[in-house]
Amino acid sequence: MKRIAVDMDEVVADVLPKFLTLFEQINGRRPTEEEYNGKKLYALPGGENLREALYHKGFFADLDLIPGAQEGIQSLLDDDYEIFFVTAAQEFRNSLEDKYDWLLQFFPNISWRNFVFCGDKSIIGTDYMIDDHAFNLRTFSGKGLLFTAPHNLSETEFTRVNNWTEVLAFFEQEKLRHANNR
C-alpha cells in the first residue's frame, strides 16, 4: 500500500480567507490578489502583524475546507492509499489541539495515529507528499506535489497540482504508470 503525506494548511484547510479578513480588520482594506500573489500576506505592507495570529489559540479551529479535499481524501482511501496528515505545527504551540480537533471533525475516517505534528517534514518517509511549500518538498525523499497557493505561484521545481481534481488525476496516472510497468 502506497502512503501519501498530506499537508494541512493551504492543502486541506483554507487559511487564506481568515488571513484576508484579519488584514482587512487591521488595515481597513482587503488586499488584491495582484498584491499578494507570489508572497505571504504578512510580507505585504500592513501585514506585518498577521503572523502573530498563528500563535493564538483558536486560529486554526474554524478554518474552511479546501474545495474537494474531503472527497479527494476519500477517493484516495478508496484506491487503497494510506493517508497521513502532516503539519509543521510545533512552531505554533496553541495550534496543536485546534488542528487535531479540526482533523477529527472533517476527516473522522482517518485514525489519529495518522496525524503527524512535526517541526521538520524531512523526517517524513511516505511515498508521496502534497504540500504548498517547496522547502518542505526539497527535503522529502519521495515524490513531492506542490499544491497551488498564492504564495507559491512562481515555484517551478515540483509537479504542481492546482486543486483536488488535479491531485486525483495525478494519482490516476500513477496507477496507470505502475500497471504498465508490471
N, C-alpha and C. Protein backbone atom coordinates (compact mmCIF):
# COMPACT_ATOMS: atom_id res chain seq x y z
N MET A 1 0.85 -1.18 0.00
CA MET A 1 0.00 0.00 0.00
C MET A 1 0.90 1.24 0.00
N LYS A 2 0.67 2.13 -0.95
CA LYS A 2 1.43 3.37 -1.03
C LYS A 2 0.89 4.36 0.00
N ARG A 3 1.82 5.18 0.51
CA ARG A 3 1.47 6.14 1.55
C ARG A 3 1.62 7.57 1.02
N ILE A 4 0.66 8.42 1.41
CA ILE A 4 0.66 9.82 1.00
C ILE A 4 0.62 10.70 2.24
N ALA A 5 1.58 11.61 2.35
CA ALA A 5 1.56 12.64 3.39
C ALA A 5 0.84 13.86 2.81
N VAL A 6 -0.15 14.35 3.53
CA VAL A 6 -0.94 15.49 3.08
C VAL A 6 -0.78 16.61 4.10
N ASP A 7 -0.25 17.73 3.64
CA ASP A 7 -0.14 18.91 4.49
C ASP A 7 -1.54 19.42 4.83
N MET A 8 -1.67 20.14 5.92
CA MET A 8 -2.97 20.68 6.31
C MET A 8 -3.23 22.05 5.69
N ASP A 9 -2.49 23.06 6.15
CA ASP A 9 -2.77 24.44 5.79
C ASP A 9 -2.50 24.69 4.31
N GLU A 10 -3.49 25.21 3.63
CA GLU A 10 -3.47 25.53 2.20
C GLU A 10 -3.52 24.30 1.30
N VAL A 11 -3.74 23.11 1.89
CA VAL A 11 -3.92 21.90 1.09
C VAL A 11 -5.30 21.29 1.39
N VAL A 12 -5.63 21.14 2.66
CA VAL A 12 -6.98 20.71 3.04
C VAL A 12 -7.70 21.78 3.87
N ALA A 13 -6.96 22.60 4.60
CA ALA A 13 -7.54 23.66 5.42
C ALA A 13 -7.23 25.01 4.78
N ASP A 14 -8.27 25.80 4.55
CA ASP A 14 -8.14 27.07 3.83
C ASP A 14 -7.85 28.22 4.79
N VAL A 15 -6.59 28.58 4.91
CA VAL A 15 -6.14 29.64 5.82
C VAL A 15 -6.32 31.02 5.19
N LEU A 16 -6.24 31.12 3.89
CA LEU A 16 -6.24 32.41 3.20
C LEU A 16 -7.43 33.30 3.55
N PRO A 17 -8.68 32.82 3.53
CA PRO A 17 -9.79 33.72 3.87
C PRO A 17 -9.67 34.33 5.26
N LYS A 18 -9.17 33.57 6.21
CA LYS A 18 -9.03 34.10 7.56
C LYS A 18 -7.97 35.19 7.60
N PHE A 19 -6.85 34.97 6.90
CA PHE A 19 -5.81 35.99 6.82
C PHE A 19 -6.30 37.24 6.10
N LEU A 20 -7.08 37.07 5.05
CA LEU A 20 -7.61 38.23 4.33
C LEU A 20 -8.54 39.05 5.22
N THR A 21 -9.37 38.37 6.01
CA THR A 21 -10.27 39.07 6.94
C THR A 21 -9.47 39.81 8.00
N LEU A 22 -8.44 39.16 8.56
CA LEU A 22 -7.59 39.83 9.56
C LEU A 22 -6.87 41.04 8.96
N PHE A 23 -6.36 40.89 7.76
CA PHE A 23 -5.68 42.00 7.09
C PHE A 23 -6.64 43.18 6.96
N GLU A 24 -7.87 42.89 6.56
CA GLU A 24 -8.87 43.94 6.39
C GLU A 24 -9.22 44.60 7.73
N GLN A 25 -9.35 43.80 8.78
CA GLN A 25 -9.65 44.35 10.10
C GLN A 25 -8.54 45.29 10.58
N ILE A 26 -7.30 44.91 10.32
CA ILE A 26 -6.15 45.70 10.77
C ILE A 26 -5.96 46.95 9.92
N ASN A 27 -6.14 46.81 8.60
CA ASN A 27 -5.78 47.88 7.68
C ASN A 27 -6.96 48.63 7.06
N GLY A 28 -8.17 48.15 7.33
CA GLY A 28 -9.33 48.83 6.78
C GLY A 28 -9.55 48.59 5.29
N ARG A 29 -8.82 47.66 4.73
CA ARG A 29 -9.00 47.31 3.32
C ARG A 29 -8.52 45.89 3.10
N ARG A 30 -9.05 45.28 2.07
CA ARG A 30 -8.66 43.92 1.71
C ARG A 30 -7.63 44.01 0.59
N PRO A 31 -6.52 43.30 0.69
CA PRO A 31 -5.53 43.36 -0.40
C PRO A 31 -6.06 42.67 -1.65
N THR A 32 -5.60 43.11 -2.79
CA THR A 32 -5.99 42.48 -4.05
C THR A 32 -5.11 41.26 -4.29
N GLU A 33 -5.59 40.36 -5.15
CA GLU A 33 -4.79 39.18 -5.49
C GLU A 33 -3.45 39.59 -6.09
N GLU A 34 -3.46 40.64 -6.89
CA GLU A 34 -2.21 41.11 -7.51
C GLU A 34 -1.18 41.49 -6.44
N GLU A 35 -1.65 42.02 -5.32
CA GLU A 35 -0.74 42.42 -4.25
C GLU A 35 -0.10 41.21 -3.57
N TYR A 36 -0.87 40.14 -3.37
CA TYR A 36 -0.33 39.03 -2.58
C TYR A 36 0.08 37.81 -3.40
N ASN A 37 -0.23 37.76 -4.68
CA ASN A 37 0.24 36.62 -5.47
C ASN A 37 1.76 36.59 -5.47
N GLY A 38 2.31 35.42 -5.15
CA GLY A 38 3.75 35.25 -5.11
C GLY A 38 4.37 35.53 -3.75
N LYS A 39 3.55 35.89 -2.76
CA LYS A 39 4.10 36.16 -1.43
C LYS A 39 3.08 35.86 -0.34
N LYS A 40 3.56 35.77 0.86
CA LYS A 40 2.68 35.59 2.01
C LYS A 40 2.02 36.93 2.35
N LEU A 41 0.80 36.90 2.85
CA LEU A 41 0.10 38.14 3.20
C LEU A 41 0.86 38.94 4.25
N TYR A 42 1.54 38.26 5.16
CA TYR A 42 2.25 39.00 6.20
C TYR A 42 3.51 39.66 5.68
N ALA A 43 3.87 39.43 4.41
CA ALA A 43 5.00 40.12 3.80
C ALA A 43 4.57 41.44 3.15
N LEU A 44 3.27 41.68 3.07
CA LEU A 44 2.78 42.92 2.48
C LEU A 44 2.88 44.06 3.49
N PRO A 45 3.04 45.29 3.02
CA PRO A 45 2.94 46.43 3.94
C PRO A 45 1.57 46.41 4.62
N GLY A 46 1.58 46.46 5.93
CA GLY A 46 0.35 46.37 6.70
C GLY A 46 0.05 44.96 7.17
N GLY A 47 0.81 43.98 6.69
CA GLY A 47 0.56 42.60 7.08
C GLY A 47 1.53 42.07 8.11
N GLU A 48 2.42 42.93 8.59
CA GLU A 48 3.49 42.51 9.50
C GLU A 48 2.98 41.81 10.75
N ASN A 49 1.81 42.18 11.24
CA ASN A 49 1.29 41.61 12.49
C ASN A 49 0.41 40.38 12.27
N LEU A 50 0.17 40.02 11.02
CA LEU A 50 -0.71 38.87 10.76
C LEU A 50 -0.15 37.56 11.30
N ARG A 51 1.13 37.38 11.16
CA ARG A 51 1.75 36.12 11.58
C ARG A 51 1.54 35.87 13.08
N GLU A 52 1.43 36.93 13.85
CA GLU A 52 1.19 36.80 15.29
C GLU A 52 -0.09 36.04 15.58
N ALA A 53 -1.09 36.15 14.71
CA ALA A 53 -2.37 35.46 14.91
C ALA A 53 -2.20 33.95 14.95
N LEU A 54 -1.18 33.44 14.27
CA LEU A 54 -0.95 32.00 14.24
C LEU A 54 -0.63 31.43 15.62
N TYR A 55 -0.17 32.26 16.52
CA TYR A 55 0.20 31.82 17.86
C TYR A 55 -0.99 31.80 18.83
N HIS A 56 -2.13 32.34 18.41
CA HIS A 56 -3.28 32.44 19.30
C HIS A 56 -4.15 31.19 19.24
N LYS A 57 -4.56 30.73 20.42
CA LYS A 57 -5.47 29.59 20.50
C LYS A 57 -6.73 29.93 19.71
N GLY A 58 -7.19 28.98 18.95
CA GLY A 58 -8.42 29.15 18.20
C GLY A 58 -8.23 29.55 16.75
N PHE A 59 -7.04 30.03 16.37
CA PHE A 59 -6.86 30.47 14.99
C PHE A 59 -7.15 29.36 14.00
N PHE A 60 -6.70 28.16 14.28
CA PHE A 60 -6.85 27.05 13.36
C PHE A 60 -8.13 26.24 13.57
N ALA A 61 -8.93 26.62 14.55
CA ALA A 61 -10.09 25.81 14.94
C ALA A 61 -11.24 25.86 13.95
N ASP A 62 -11.40 26.96 13.24
CA ASP A 62 -12.61 27.12 12.43
C ASP A 62 -12.31 27.40 10.96
N LEU A 63 -11.21 26.87 10.47
CA LEU A 63 -10.85 27.06 9.07
C LEU A 63 -11.82 26.29 8.16
N ASP A 64 -12.06 26.85 6.98
CA ASP A 64 -12.87 26.16 5.98
C ASP A 64 -12.04 25.08 5.32
N LEU A 65 -12.72 24.15 4.70
CA LEU A 65 -12.07 23.12 3.90
C LEU A 65 -11.69 23.68 2.53
N ILE A 66 -10.58 23.23 2.00
CA ILE A 66 -10.25 23.49 0.60
C ILE A 66 -11.27 22.70 -0.23
N PRO A 67 -11.87 23.31 -1.23
CA PRO A 67 -12.86 22.59 -2.03
C PRO A 67 -12.31 21.27 -2.59
N GLY A 68 -13.10 20.23 -2.42
CA GLY A 68 -12.75 18.91 -2.94
C GLY A 68 -11.85 18.09 -2.04
N ALA A 69 -11.37 18.65 -0.93
CA ALA A 69 -10.41 17.94 -0.08
C ALA A 69 -11.00 16.68 0.54
N GLN A 70 -12.19 16.77 1.12
CA GLN A 70 -12.78 15.59 1.75
C GLN A 70 -13.03 14.49 0.73
N GLU A 71 -13.61 14.86 -0.40
CA GLU A 71 -13.90 13.87 -1.43
C GLU A 71 -12.60 13.30 -2.01
N GLY A 72 -11.60 14.15 -2.16
CA GLY A 72 -10.31 13.70 -2.68
C GLY A 72 -9.64 12.70 -1.75
N ILE A 73 -9.62 13.02 -0.47
CA ILE A 73 -9.03 12.11 0.51
C ILE A 73 -9.78 10.78 0.51
N GLN A 74 -11.10 10.84 0.47
CA GLN A 74 -11.89 9.60 0.46
C GLN A 74 -11.60 8.78 -0.78
N SER A 75 -11.47 9.44 -1.91
CA SER A 75 -11.17 8.73 -3.15
C SER A 75 -9.81 8.04 -3.08
N LEU A 76 -8.83 8.72 -2.51
CA LEU A 76 -7.50 8.10 -2.35
C LEU A 76 -7.56 6.91 -1.40
N LEU A 77 -8.33 7.04 -0.33
CA LEU A 77 -8.52 5.91 0.59
C LEU A 77 -9.18 4.73 -0.13
N ASP A 78 -10.19 5.04 -0.93
CA ASP A 78 -10.89 4.00 -1.69
C ASP A 78 -9.96 3.31 -2.68
N ASP A 79 -8.94 4.03 -3.14
CA ASP A 79 -7.95 3.45 -4.06
C ASP A 79 -6.81 2.77 -3.32
N ASP A 80 -6.99 2.55 -2.02
CA ASP A 80 -6.03 1.83 -1.18
C ASP A 80 -4.72 2.56 -0.92
N TYR A 81 -4.76 3.88 -0.89
CA TYR A 81 -3.62 4.64 -0.40
C TYR A 81 -3.80 4.84 1.10
N GLU A 82 -2.70 4.88 1.81
CA GLU A 82 -2.75 5.21 3.23
C GLU A 82 -2.43 6.70 3.35
N ILE A 83 -3.27 7.41 4.07
CA ILE A 83 -3.14 8.87 4.19
C ILE A 83 -2.62 9.24 5.57
N PHE A 84 -1.64 10.14 5.57
CA PHE A 84 -1.13 10.74 6.80
C PHE A 84 -1.26 12.25 6.67
N PHE A 85 -1.89 12.89 7.63
CA PHE A 85 -1.90 14.34 7.66
C PHE A 85 -0.65 14.80 8.37
N VAL A 86 0.12 15.63 7.70
CA VAL A 86 1.42 16.07 8.22
C VAL A 86 1.41 17.60 8.27
N THR A 87 1.64 18.14 9.45
CA THR A 87 1.63 19.59 9.58
C THR A 87 2.75 20.03 10.50
N ALA A 88 3.43 21.08 10.09
CA ALA A 88 4.53 21.64 10.90
C ALA A 88 3.92 22.54 11.96
N ALA A 89 3.32 21.92 12.96
CA ALA A 89 2.56 22.65 13.97
C ALA A 89 3.38 23.05 15.19
N GLN A 90 4.56 22.52 15.33
CA GLN A 90 5.32 22.73 16.56
C GLN A 90 5.65 24.20 16.82
N GLU A 91 5.83 24.97 15.75
CA GLU A 91 6.16 26.39 15.93
C GLU A 91 5.02 27.13 16.61
N PHE A 92 3.81 26.68 16.36
CA PHE A 92 2.61 27.35 16.89
C PHE A 92 1.95 26.45 17.91
N ARG A 93 2.47 26.49 19.11
CA ARG A 93 2.09 25.57 20.18
C ARG A 93 0.58 25.45 20.35
N ASN A 94 -0.12 26.58 20.31
CA ASN A 94 -1.57 26.55 20.51
C ASN A 94 -2.33 25.95 19.34
N SER A 95 -1.66 25.72 18.23
CA SER A 95 -2.34 25.15 17.07
C SER A 95 -2.55 23.65 17.20
N LEU A 96 -1.80 22.99 18.04
CA LEU A 96 -1.85 21.52 18.10
C LEU A 96 -3.25 20.99 18.39
N GLU A 97 -3.88 21.48 19.43
CA GLU A 97 -5.22 21.00 19.78
C GLU A 97 -6.23 21.41 18.72
N ASP A 98 -6.13 22.65 18.24
CA ASP A 98 -7.06 23.12 17.20
C ASP A 98 -6.96 22.25 15.95
N LYS A 99 -5.74 21.97 15.52
CA LYS A 99 -5.56 21.18 14.30
C LYS A 99 -6.03 19.74 14.50
N TYR A 100 -5.73 19.19 15.64
CA TYR A 100 -6.17 17.82 15.96
C TYR A 100 -7.69 17.73 15.89
N ASP A 101 -8.37 18.66 16.58
CA ASP A 101 -9.84 18.65 16.60
C ASP A 101 -10.41 18.89 15.20
N TRP A 102 -9.77 19.78 14.44
CA TRP A 102 -10.23 20.08 13.07
C TRP A 102 -10.15 18.83 12.21
N LEU A 103 -9.05 18.11 12.29
CA LEU A 103 -8.90 16.88 11.51
C LEU A 103 -9.95 15.84 11.90
N LEU A 104 -10.20 15.68 13.19
CA LEU A 104 -11.22 14.73 13.63
C LEU A 104 -12.60 15.13 13.11
N GLN A 105 -12.86 16.43 13.08
CA GLN A 105 -14.17 16.91 12.61
C GLN A 105 -14.37 16.64 11.12
N PHE A 106 -13.38 16.97 10.31
CA PHE A 106 -13.55 16.91 8.86
C PHE A 106 -13.09 15.59 8.23
N PHE A 107 -12.27 14.84 8.94
CA PHE A 107 -11.77 13.56 8.42
C PHE A 107 -11.88 12.47 9.49
N PRO A 108 -13.11 12.20 9.95
CA PRO A 108 -13.28 11.24 11.04
C PRO A 108 -12.90 9.81 10.67
N ASN A 109 -12.77 9.54 9.37
CA ASN A 109 -12.41 8.19 8.94
C ASN A 109 -10.89 7.97 8.91
N ILE A 110 -10.11 8.98 9.26
CA ILE A 110 -8.65 8.85 9.35
C ILE A 110 -8.29 8.73 10.83
N SER A 111 -7.55 7.72 11.17
CA SER A 111 -7.16 7.49 12.56
C SER A 111 -6.24 8.60 13.07
N TRP A 112 -6.36 8.90 14.35
CA TRP A 112 -5.46 9.88 14.98
C TRP A 112 -4.02 9.41 14.86
N ARG A 113 -3.81 8.13 14.67
CA ARG A 113 -2.45 7.60 14.51
C ARG A 113 -1.81 8.09 13.21
N ASN A 114 -2.62 8.59 12.30
CA ASN A 114 -2.14 9.10 11.02
C ASN A 114 -2.04 10.62 11.00
N PHE A 115 -2.04 11.24 12.17
CA PHE A 115 -1.82 12.68 12.30
C PHE A 115 -0.38 12.88 12.75
N VAL A 116 0.40 13.60 11.97
CA VAL A 116 1.81 13.82 12.29
C VAL A 116 2.02 15.32 12.51
N PHE A 117 2.26 15.69 13.75
CA PHE A 117 2.55 17.07 14.10
C PHE A 117 4.06 17.16 14.31
N CYS A 118 4.71 17.91 13.46
CA CYS A 118 6.17 17.92 13.49
C CYS A 118 6.68 19.34 13.30
N GLY A 119 7.98 19.48 13.42
CA GLY A 119 8.63 20.75 13.15
C GLY A 119 9.38 20.74 11.83
N ASP A 120 9.82 19.57 11.44
CA ASP A 120 10.65 19.43 10.23
C ASP A 120 10.12 18.24 9.44
N LYS A 121 9.57 18.52 8.27
CA LYS A 121 8.95 17.45 7.48
C LYS A 121 9.95 16.55 6.77
N SER A 122 11.24 16.83 6.90
CA SER A 122 12.23 15.96 6.27
C SER A 122 12.22 14.56 6.89
N ILE A 123 11.63 14.41 8.05
CA ILE A 123 11.55 13.10 8.71
C ILE A 123 10.49 12.19 8.10
N ILE A 124 9.63 12.75 7.25
CA ILE A 124 8.51 12.00 6.70
C ILE A 124 9.00 11.02 5.65
N GLY A 125 8.60 9.76 5.78
CA GLY A 125 9.06 8.71 4.89
C GLY A 125 7.96 8.07 4.07
N THR A 126 7.01 8.86 3.57
CA THR A 126 5.95 8.32 2.74
C THR A 126 6.40 8.28 1.28
N ASP A 127 5.58 7.70 0.43
CA ASP A 127 5.90 7.63 -1.00
C ASP A 127 5.67 8.97 -1.69
N TYR A 128 4.66 9.70 -1.22
CA TYR A 128 4.29 10.99 -1.82
C TYR A 128 4.03 11.99 -0.70
N MET A 129 4.21 13.28 -1.02
CA MET A 129 3.80 14.35 -0.11
C MET A 129 3.18 15.46 -0.94
N ILE A 130 2.00 15.91 -0.48
CA ILE A 130 1.31 17.04 -1.09
C ILE A 130 1.45 18.20 -0.12
N ASP A 131 2.09 19.29 -0.57
CA ASP A 131 2.39 20.42 0.32
C ASP A 131 2.35 21.70 -0.50
N ASP A 132 2.09 22.81 0.16
CA ASP A 132 2.10 24.10 -0.53
C ASP A 132 3.44 24.83 -0.41
N HIS A 133 4.38 24.25 0.32
CA HIS A 133 5.70 24.88 0.49
C HIS A 133 6.78 24.03 -0.17
N ALA A 134 7.45 24.63 -1.14
CA ALA A 134 8.53 23.92 -1.84
C ALA A 134 9.65 23.53 -0.88
N PHE A 135 9.92 24.34 0.14
CA PHE A 135 11.02 23.99 1.06
C PHE A 135 10.75 22.68 1.78
N ASN A 136 9.49 22.33 2.01
CA ASN A 136 9.18 21.02 2.61
C ASN A 136 9.42 19.89 1.63
N LEU A 137 9.14 20.15 0.37
CA LEU A 137 9.32 19.12 -0.65
C LEU A 137 10.79 18.91 -1.00
N ARG A 138 11.62 19.94 -0.85
CA ARG A 138 13.05 19.81 -1.17
C ARG A 138 13.76 18.80 -0.28
N THR A 139 13.31 18.64 0.93
CA THR A 139 13.97 17.72 1.86
C THR A 139 13.25 16.38 1.95
N PHE A 140 12.23 16.20 1.15
CA PHE A 140 11.41 14.98 1.14
C PHE A 140 12.02 13.99 0.17
N SER A 141 12.12 12.73 0.57
CA SER A 141 12.78 11.72 -0.27
C SER A 141 11.85 11.04 -1.27
N GLY A 142 10.54 11.22 -1.12
CA GLY A 142 9.58 10.63 -2.06
C GLY A 142 9.24 11.60 -3.17
N LYS A 143 8.11 11.38 -3.81
CA LYS A 143 7.62 12.25 -4.89
C LYS A 143 6.79 13.37 -4.28
N GLY A 144 7.22 14.62 -4.50
CA GLY A 144 6.53 15.77 -3.96
C GLY A 144 5.60 16.41 -4.97
N LEU A 145 4.41 16.77 -4.50
CA LEU A 145 3.44 17.51 -5.30
C LEU A 145 3.23 18.86 -4.66
N LEU A 146 3.39 19.92 -5.43
CA LEU A 146 3.20 21.28 -4.92
C LEU A 146 1.76 21.70 -5.15
N PHE A 147 1.02 21.88 -4.05
CA PHE A 147 -0.37 22.31 -4.12
C PHE A 147 -0.39 23.83 -4.25
N THR A 148 -1.04 24.31 -5.28
CA THR A 148 -1.03 25.74 -5.58
C THR A 148 -1.65 26.56 -4.47
N ALA A 149 -0.93 27.60 -4.08
CA ALA A 149 -1.39 28.62 -3.14
C ALA A 149 -0.84 29.94 -3.65
N PRO A 150 -1.45 31.07 -3.31
CA PRO A 150 -0.97 32.34 -3.84
C PRO A 150 0.53 32.58 -3.62
N HIS A 151 1.06 32.13 -2.50
CA HIS A 151 2.46 32.41 -2.18
C HIS A 151 3.45 31.60 -3.01
N ASN A 152 3.00 30.52 -3.68
CA ASN A 152 3.95 29.66 -4.39
C ASN A 152 3.80 29.70 -5.92
N LEU A 153 3.13 30.71 -6.43
CA LEU A 153 2.83 30.75 -7.87
C LEU A 153 4.07 30.79 -8.76
N SER A 154 5.18 31.28 -8.25
CA SER A 154 6.39 31.35 -9.08
C SER A 154 7.27 30.10 -8.98
N GLU A 155 6.92 29.17 -8.12
CA GLU A 155 7.70 27.94 -7.96
C GLU A 155 7.52 27.03 -9.18
N THR A 156 8.61 26.49 -9.68
CA THR A 156 8.54 25.61 -10.86
C THR A 156 9.26 24.29 -10.64
N GLU A 157 9.74 24.07 -9.45
CA GLU A 157 10.62 22.93 -9.17
C GLU A 157 9.90 21.59 -9.08
N PHE A 158 8.60 21.59 -8.76
CA PHE A 158 7.89 20.34 -8.47
C PHE A 158 6.65 20.19 -9.34
N THR A 159 6.15 18.98 -9.41
CA THR A 159 4.88 18.75 -10.09
C THR A 159 3.81 19.54 -9.35
N ARG A 160 3.12 20.38 -10.09
CA ARG A 160 2.12 21.26 -9.48
C ARG A 160 0.73 20.66 -9.66
N VAL A 161 -0.05 20.74 -8.58
CA VAL A 161 -1.47 20.40 -8.63
C VAL A 161 -2.23 21.63 -8.13
N ASN A 162 -3.18 22.08 -8.92
CA ASN A 162 -3.90 23.32 -8.62
C ASN A 162 -5.11 23.13 -7.72
N ASN A 163 -5.59 21.90 -7.63
CA ASN A 163 -6.80 21.62 -6.86
C ASN A 163 -6.89 20.11 -6.65
N TRP A 164 -7.93 19.69 -5.95
CA TRP A 164 -8.05 18.26 -5.64
C TRP A 164 -8.43 17.42 -6.85
N THR A 165 -9.06 18.01 -7.85
CA THR A 165 -9.33 17.28 -9.08
C THR A 165 -8.01 16.89 -9.74
N GLU A 166 -7.05 17.82 -9.74
CA GLU A 166 -5.73 17.53 -10.32
C GLU A 166 -4.93 16.55 -9.47
N VAL A 167 -5.12 16.59 -8.16
CA VAL A 167 -4.46 15.60 -7.30
C VAL A 167 -4.93 14.21 -7.69
N LEU A 168 -6.24 14.03 -7.80
CA LEU A 168 -6.79 12.72 -8.15
C LEU A 168 -6.36 12.29 -9.55
N ALA A 169 -6.29 13.22 -10.48
CA ALA A 169 -5.83 12.89 -11.84
C ALA A 169 -4.37 12.43 -11.80
N PHE A 170 -3.54 13.09 -10.98
CA PHE A 170 -2.14 12.67 -10.85
C PHE A 170 -2.06 11.23 -10.37
N PHE A 171 -2.81 10.90 -9.33
CA PHE A 171 -2.74 9.54 -8.78
C PHE A 171 -3.37 8.51 -9.71
N GLU A 172 -4.33 8.91 -10.51
CA GLU A 172 -4.88 8.01 -11.53
C GLU A 172 -3.79 7.69 -12.56
N GLN A 173 -3.02 8.71 -12.95
CA GLN A 173 -1.90 8.49 -13.88
C GLN A 173 -0.82 7.60 -13.25
N GLU A 174 -0.56 7.80 -11.98
CA GLU A 174 0.41 6.96 -11.27
C GLU A 174 -0.02 5.50 -11.28
N LYS A 175 -1.31 5.28 -11.05
CA LYS A 175 -1.84 3.92 -11.05
C LYS A 175 -1.63 3.28 -12.43
N LEU A 176 -1.92 4.03 -13.48
CA LEU A 176 -1.75 3.51 -14.85
C LEU A 176 -0.28 3.25 -15.15
N ARG A 177 0.58 4.16 -14.72
CA ARG A 177 2.02 4.01 -14.95
C ARG A 177 2.54 2.74 -14.27
N HIS A 178 2.13 2.53 -13.02
CA HIS A 178 2.57 1.33 -12.29
C HIS A 178 2.01 0.06 -12.92
N ALA A 179 0.77 0.12 -13.41
CA ALA A 179 0.16 -1.05 -14.04
C ALA A 179 0.89 -1.40 -15.34
N ASN A 180 1.32 -0.38 -16.08
CA ASN A 180 2.03 -0.61 -17.34
C ASN A 180 3.46 -1.10 -17.13
N ASN A 181 4.03 -0.86 -15.96
CA ASN A 181 5.40 -1.29 -15.65
C ASN A 181 5.47 -2.70 -15.09
N ARG A 182 4.33 -3.33 -14.92
CA ARG A 182 4.32 -4.70 -14.35
C ARG A 182 4.56 -5.72 -15.39
